[in-house]
Protein backbone atom coordinates (compact mmCIF):
# COMPACT_ATOMS: atom_id res chain seq x y z
CA UNK A 1 139.32 15.72 -1.86
CA UNK A 2 142.82 13.78 -1.79
CA UNK A 3 144.90 14.32 1.07
CA UNK A 4 147.58 11.84 -0.64
CA UNK A 5 150.99 13.75 -0.28
CA UNK A 6 152.23 16.12 -3.45
CA UNK A 7 148.23 16.98 -4.05
CA UNK A 8 147.80 20.68 -4.26
CA UNK A 9 144.81 20.57 -2.56
CA UNK A 10 146.00 19.27 0.61
CA UNK A 11 145.65 21.44 3.64
CA UNK A 12 148.14 24.30 2.59
CA UNK A 13 147.92 28.26 2.63
CA UNK A 14 148.42 28.03 -1.67
CA UNK A 15 145.33 25.86 -1.87
CA UNK A 16 143.47 27.95 0.86
CA UNK A 17 144.17 31.18 -1.42
CA UNK A 18 143.09 29.39 -4.92
CA UNK A 19 139.99 28.68 -3.15
CA UNK A 20 139.42 31.50 -1.77
CA UNK A 21 140.14 33.76 -4.99
CA UNK A 22 138.91 31.41 -7.40
CA UNK A 23 136.84 28.37 -6.66
CA UNK A 24 134.44 30.06 -4.19
CA UNK A 25 133.87 32.88 -6.42
CA UNK A 26 132.32 32.06 -9.96
CA UNK A 27 129.81 30.37 -10.89
CA UNK A 28 131.86 27.93 -14.22
CA UNK A 29 129.56 27.49 -17.36
CA UNK A 30 131.15 24.35 -17.86
CA UNK A 31 134.28 22.20 -16.87
CA UNK A 32 135.91 23.36 -19.79
CA UNK A 33 135.46 27.24 -18.13
CA UNK A 34 136.80 25.80 -14.87
CA UNK A 35 139.86 24.29 -16.11
CA UNK A 36 140.67 27.59 -18.20
CA UNK A 37 140.02 29.55 -14.82
CA UNK A 38 141.93 27.16 -12.55
CA UNK A 39 145.01 27.06 -15.23
CA UNK A 40 145.04 31.02 -15.80
CA UNK A 41 145.31 31.66 -12.18
CA UNK A 42 148.17 28.99 -11.99
CA UNK A 43 150.03 30.83 -14.78
CA UNK A 44 149.27 34.27 -12.84
CA UNK A 45 150.40 32.66 -9.57
CA UNK A 46 153.76 31.14 -10.84
CA UNK A 47 154.70 33.81 -13.03
CA UNK A 48 153.03 37.26 -12.11
CA UNK A 49 152.80 37.56 -8.47
CA UNK A 50 155.85 38.16 -6.21
CA UNK A 51 155.95 36.29 -2.97
CA UNK A 52 157.62 37.27 0.11
CA UNK A 53 159.69 34.09 0.98
CA UNK A 54 161.38 34.50 -2.15
CA UNK A 55 162.46 38.19 -2.29
CA UNK A 56 159.49 39.33 -4.00
CA UNK A 57 159.49 38.11 -7.12
CA UNK A 58 157.60 35.69 -9.32
CA UNK A 59 158.57 31.80 -8.34
CA UNK A 60 159.13 31.31 -12.52
CA UNK A 61 161.66 34.12 -12.23
CA UNK A 62 163.23 32.67 -9.29
CA UNK A 63 162.97 29.08 -10.87
CA UNK A 64 164.83 30.41 -13.62
CA UNK A 65 167.62 32.35 -12.11
CA UNK A 66 168.32 29.27 -9.59
CA UNK A 67 171.67 27.43 -10.96
CA UNK A 68 171.21 23.97 -12.02
CA UNK A 69 171.11 20.95 -9.45
CA UNK A 70 174.10 18.50 -9.72
CA UNK A 71 172.45 14.83 -10.15
CA UNK A 72 173.24 13.06 -6.68
CA UNK A 73 174.42 9.46 -7.49
């Protein structure tokens, strides 16, 4: 496991949730099957699940509702 900054699998609550909900449960038939399962989990996590820290809406909804950031010079 790589604990470099920016790596999702560093010790974060979200990584723990992924491990608990997905990686600890099923037996994957192949690498492709594992990739599909993780991609499906990420899609649900970002588009389907409300997150309390951002007002109980999905991150994708929150991101699309945010005003555009100004470029710093």
